[in-house]
Amino acid sequence: MKKISITTLVLIFAACASKKQPVATSNSQADFDRGAAKFTGYTFDLFTQGHTLYQQHCGNCHGLKNPASRNEAQWKRIVPEMAVKVNKKENNVLTADKEELILKYCVTMSLSREVK
């Protein structure tokens, strides 16, 4: 019985420690245009900042998710939950403004699934 428990724990820890390959995400003009049509005052620079923050922080505990794999409502629930976790782990690095940039980036990218 102990061998099974220890083996199970080792496998769980190994799975948690392994990093998944990051998902290729985009920051093209066409992607930005969808976000600019949705968010007033959204600039390409803000879009790019959101993309960078997403890549820097959202893959630290798990592989990066394809932002187009979720819809706007899902991202509005997921991003705040994950920001709390990131801030606990990384000593409050995500301000409300940075969290909003990540959310807008993810929502913008999720709009591409509606276009196809």
Protein backbone atom coordinates (compact mmCIF):
# COMPACT_ATOMS: atom_id res chain seq x y z
CA MET A 1 0.00 0.00 0.00
CA LYS A 2 2.83 2.42 0.85
CA LYS A 3 4.50 1.80 -2.52
CA ILE A 4 1.34 2.77 -4.36
CA SER A 5 0.91 5.94 -2.28
CA ILE A 6 4.52 7.02 -2.67
CA THR A 7 4.49 6.27 -6.39
CA THR A 8 1.27 8.24 -6.81
CA LEU A 9 2.73 11.23 -4.95
CA VAL A 10 5.91 11.13 -7.03
CA LEU A 11 3.88 11.11 -10.25
CA ILE A 12 1.71 14.00 -9.06
CA PHE A 13 4.74 16.11 -8.12
CA ALA A 14 6.46 15.30 -11.40
CA ALA A 15 3.38 16.34 -13.36
CA CYS A 16 3.12 19.62 -11.45
CA ALA A 17 6.79 20.40 -11.89
CA SER A 18 6.85 19.87 -15.64
CA LYS A 19 6.20 22.89 -17.84
CA LYS A 20 3.96 22.54 -20.84
CA GLN A 21 5.09 24.05 -24.10
CA PRO A 22 3.79 27.59 -24.46
CA VAL A 23 0.99 28.20 -26.90
CA ALA A 24 1.93 30.45 -29.77
CA THR A 25 -0.06 33.64 -29.34
CA SER A 26 -0.32 36.47 -31.76
CA ASN A 27 -0.14 40.21 -31.62
CA SER A 28 -0.96 41.04 -35.23
CA GLN A 29 -2.68 44.13 -36.52
CA ALA A 30 -5.79 42.11 -37.41
CA ASP A 31 -6.00 40.81 -33.84
CA PHE A 32 -5.57 44.31 -32.45
CA ASP A 33 -8.25 45.72 -34.78
CA ARG A 34 -10.85 43.40 -33.23
CA GLY A 35 -9.93 44.63 -29.75
CA ALA A 36 -9.87 48.28 -30.79
CA ALA A 37 -13.40 47.92 -32.12
CA LYS A 38 -14.49 46.55 -28.74
CA PHE A 39 -12.53 48.64 -26.23
CA THR A 40 -12.62 52.44 -26.32
CA GLY A 41 -9.14 53.97 -26.23
CA TYR A 42 -7.41 50.62 -26.79
CA THR A 43 -4.06 51.19 -28.49
CA PHE A 44 -1.69 48.78 -30.17
CA ASP A 45 0.81 49.53 -27.39
CA LEU A 46 -1.72 48.48 -24.71
CA PHE A 47 -2.54 45.35 -26.71
CA THR A 48 1.17 44.49 -26.94
CA GLN A 49 1.66 45.13 -23.22
CA GLY A 50 -1.22 42.76 -22.46
CA HIS A 51 0.33 40.13 -24.71
CA THR A 52 3.70 40.50 -22.96
CA LEU A 53 2.16 40.33 -19.48
CA TYR A 54 0.16 37.27 -20.52
CA GLN A 55 3.32 35.51 -21.67
CA GLN A 56 5.33 36.57 -18.60
CA HIS A 57 2.86 35.60 -15.90
CA CYS A 58 0.20 33.22 -17.20
CA GLY A 59 2.48 30.33 -18.02
CA ASN A 60 4.40 30.20 -14.76
CA CYS A 61 2.15 27.63 -13.06
CA HIS A 62 0.74 25.94 -16.16
CA GLY A 63 1.28 26.08 -19.89
CA LEU A 64 -0.10 29.09 -21.69
CA LYS A 65 -3.65 28.59 -22.81
CA ASN A 66 -4.70 29.62 -26.27
CA PRO A 67 -6.65 32.83 -25.58
CA ALA A 68 -9.06 31.94 -28.40
CA SER A 69 -10.01 28.76 -26.55
CA ARG A 70 -12.20 30.69 -24.10
CA ASN A 71 -14.91 33.30 -24.59
CA GLU A 72 -15.21 36.75 -23.03
CA ALA A 73 -17.35 35.63 -20.08
CA GLN A 74 -14.89 32.85 -19.26
CA TRP A 75 -11.90 35.21 -19.38
CA LYS A 76 -13.71 37.71 -17.13
CA ARG A 77 -13.96 34.95 -14.55
CA ILE A 78 -10.56 33.31 -15.09
CA VAL A 79 -8.22 36.33 -15.24
CA PRO A 80 -9.15 37.80 -11.82
CA GLU A 81 -8.90 34.34 -10.21
CA MET A 82 -5.49 33.72 -11.75
CA ALA A 83 -4.26 37.24 -10.90
CA VAL A 84 -4.87 36.50 -7.22
CA LYS A 85 -2.75 33.34 -7.54
CA VAL A 86 0.02 35.14 -9.42
CA ASN A 87 0.10 37.90 -6.83
CA LYS A 88 0.40 35.38 -4.01
CA LYS A 89 3.21 33.57 -5.80
CA GLU A 90 5.03 36.59 -7.23
CA ASN A 91 4.55 39.14 -4.44
CA ASN A 92 1.79 41.35 -5.89
CA VAL A 93 3.31 41.97 -9.32
CA LEU A 94 -0.03 42.32 -11.10
CA THR A 95 -1.65 45.66 -10.41
CA ALA A 96 -5.28 46.21 -11.37
CA ASP A 97 -4.07 47.99 -14.53
CA LYS A 98 -1.87 45.06 -15.55
CA GLU A 99 -4.67 42.60 -14.83
CA GLU A 100 -6.96 44.67 -17.07
CA LEU A 101 -4.37 44.61 -19.87
CA ILE A 102 -4.19 40.82 -19.67
CA LEU A 103 -7.98 40.57 -19.64
CA LYS A 104 -8.35 42.85 -22.66
CA TYR A 105 -5.66 40.91 -24.52
CA CYS A 106 -7.37 37.56 -23.80
CA VAL A 107 -10.81 38.89 -24.71
CA THR A 108 -9.42 40.43 -27.92
CA MET A 109 -7.86 37.13 -28.90
CA SER A 110 -11.06 35.26 -28.03
CA LEU A 111 -12.89 37.40 -30.58
CA SER A 112 -10.94 35.62 -33.33
CA ARG A 113 -12.91 32.44 -32.67
CA GLU A 114 -16.14 34.33 -33.34
CA VAL A 115 -14.81 35.60 -36.68
CA LYS A 116 -13.87 32.18 -38.09
